[in-house]
Protein backbone atom coordinates (compact mmCIF):
# COMPACT_ATOMS: atom_id res chain seq x y z
CA MET A 1 0.00 0.00 0.00
CA ALA A 2 1.47 3.31 -1.08
CA GLY A 3 0.39 6.74 -0.02
CA GLY A 4 0.29 10.02 -1.91
CA TRP A 5 1.96 10.00 -5.31
CA ALA A 6 4.06 6.88 -4.68
CA ARG A 7 3.16 3.67 -6.46
CA ASP A 8 2.42 0.42 -4.65
CA GLY A 9 5.55 -1.19 -3.24
CA ALA A 10 7.63 2.01 -3.40
CA VAL A 11 8.44 1.97 0.31
CA SER A 12 9.60 -1.65 0.20
CA GLU A 13 11.75 -0.91 -2.85
CA GLN A 14 13.33 2.04 -1.07
CA ILE A 15 14.15 -0.07 1.99
CA GLU A 16 15.61 -2.88 -0.13
CA ALA A 17 17.69 -0.40 -2.15
CA SER A 18 19.05 1.18 1.04
CA ILE A 19 20.05 -2.25 2.37
CA GLU A 20 21.71 -3.20 -0.93
CA ASP A 21 23.66 0.10 -0.97
CA GLU A 22 24.92 -0.45 2.57
CA LEU A 23 25.94 -4.05 1.85
CA ALA A 24 27.82 -2.94 -1.27
CA ARG A 25 29.60 -0.25 0.74
CA MET A 26 30.63 -2.77 3.38
CA LYS A 27 31.90 -5.27 0.80
CA ALA A 28 33.93 -2.55 -0.93
CA ARG A 29 35.69 -1.65 2.31
CA ALA A 30 39.40 -2.31 1.95
CA GLN A 31 40.64 -5.46 3.65
CA PRO A 32 44.23 -5.82 4.86
CA GLN A 33 46.55 -7.37 2.30
CA GLY A 34 50.21 -8.17 2.02
CA GLU A 35 52.63 -8.90 4.81
CA SER A 36 51.53 -8.36 8.40
CA ALA A 37 53.39 -5.86 10.52
CA MET A 38 55.30 -7.16 13.52
CA CYS A 39 54.38 -4.06 15.56
CA CYS A 40 51.28 -1.87 15.54
CA VAL A 41 51.69 1.17 13.29
CA GLU A 42 49.85 3.40 15.80
CA CYS A 43 51.08 2.40 19.28
CA GLU A 44 54.15 0.31 18.31
CA GLU A 45 53.13 -2.61 20.54
CA GLU A 46 53.92 -6.10 19.26
CA ILE A 47 51.09 -7.76 17.32
CA PRO A 48 50.56 -11.35 18.53
CA GLU A 49 51.58 -14.07 16.06
CA ALA A 50 48.10 -15.63 16.17
CA ARG A 51 46.57 -12.33 15.00
CA ARG A 52 49.13 -11.98 12.21
CA ARG A 53 48.29 -15.51 10.98
CA ALA A 54 44.53 -15.00 11.30
CA ILE A 55 44.43 -11.68 9.42
CA PRO A 56 47.00 -11.46 6.62
CA GLY A 57 48.25 -7.90 6.21
CA VAL A 58 47.19 -6.71 9.66
CA LYS A 59 48.85 -3.45 10.70
CA LEU A 60 47.07 -2.66 14.00
CA CYS A 61 46.99 -4.37 17.37
CA ILE A 62 43.62 -5.44 18.80
CA ASP A 63 43.26 -2.36 21.03
CA CYS A 64 43.99 0.12 18.21
CA ALA A 65 41.77 -1.77 15.76
CA SER A 66 38.92 -1.79 18.28
CA ALA A 67 39.31 1.94 18.89
CA ARG A 68 39.33 2.65 15.14
CA ASP A 69 36.29 0.43 14.51
CA GLY A 70 34.41 2.21 17.28
CA ARG A 71 34.73 5.57 15.54
CA THR A 72 31.84 6.58 13.36
CA GLU A 73 32.45 8.38 10.11
CA ALA A 74 29.98 11.07 9.16
CA ARG A 75 28.51 10.31 5.79
CA GLY A 76 26.77 13.26 4.26
CA GLY A 77 24.62 13.53 1.24
CA ILE A 78 21.06 13.41 0.16
CA ASN A 79 18.93 10.30 0.10
CA ARG A 80 17.73 10.75 -3.46
CA ARG A 81 15.46 7.73 -3.27
CA GLY A 82 13.58 9.21 -0.33
CA SER A 83 13.39 12.86 -1.35
CA LYS A 84 10.10 14.27 -2.55
CA ASP A 85 11.74 15.92 -5.55
CA SER A 86 12.95 12.61 -6.93
CA GLN A 87 9.48 11.10 -6.58
CA LEU A 88 7.79 13.93 -8.47
CA LYS A 89 9.99 13.56 -11.59
């Protein structure tokens, strides 16, 4: 059921498109490659051998990686699929 000028199923399509965009962004995120560092590039602590074997190309220790993963990056922009202007065209 759609409301206003939107066709039936438009809301579901918008939700599915948003999920697909986010999944594509996550898959495109660069993964570590190459030779692992012996010491963390940020704090210079030794990276455990088990971590170096588990994640080829790792450059950060667990603490620094956790701190970096906890940071949120502001992503700006306009949600063109959800704006009224894009629906009127």
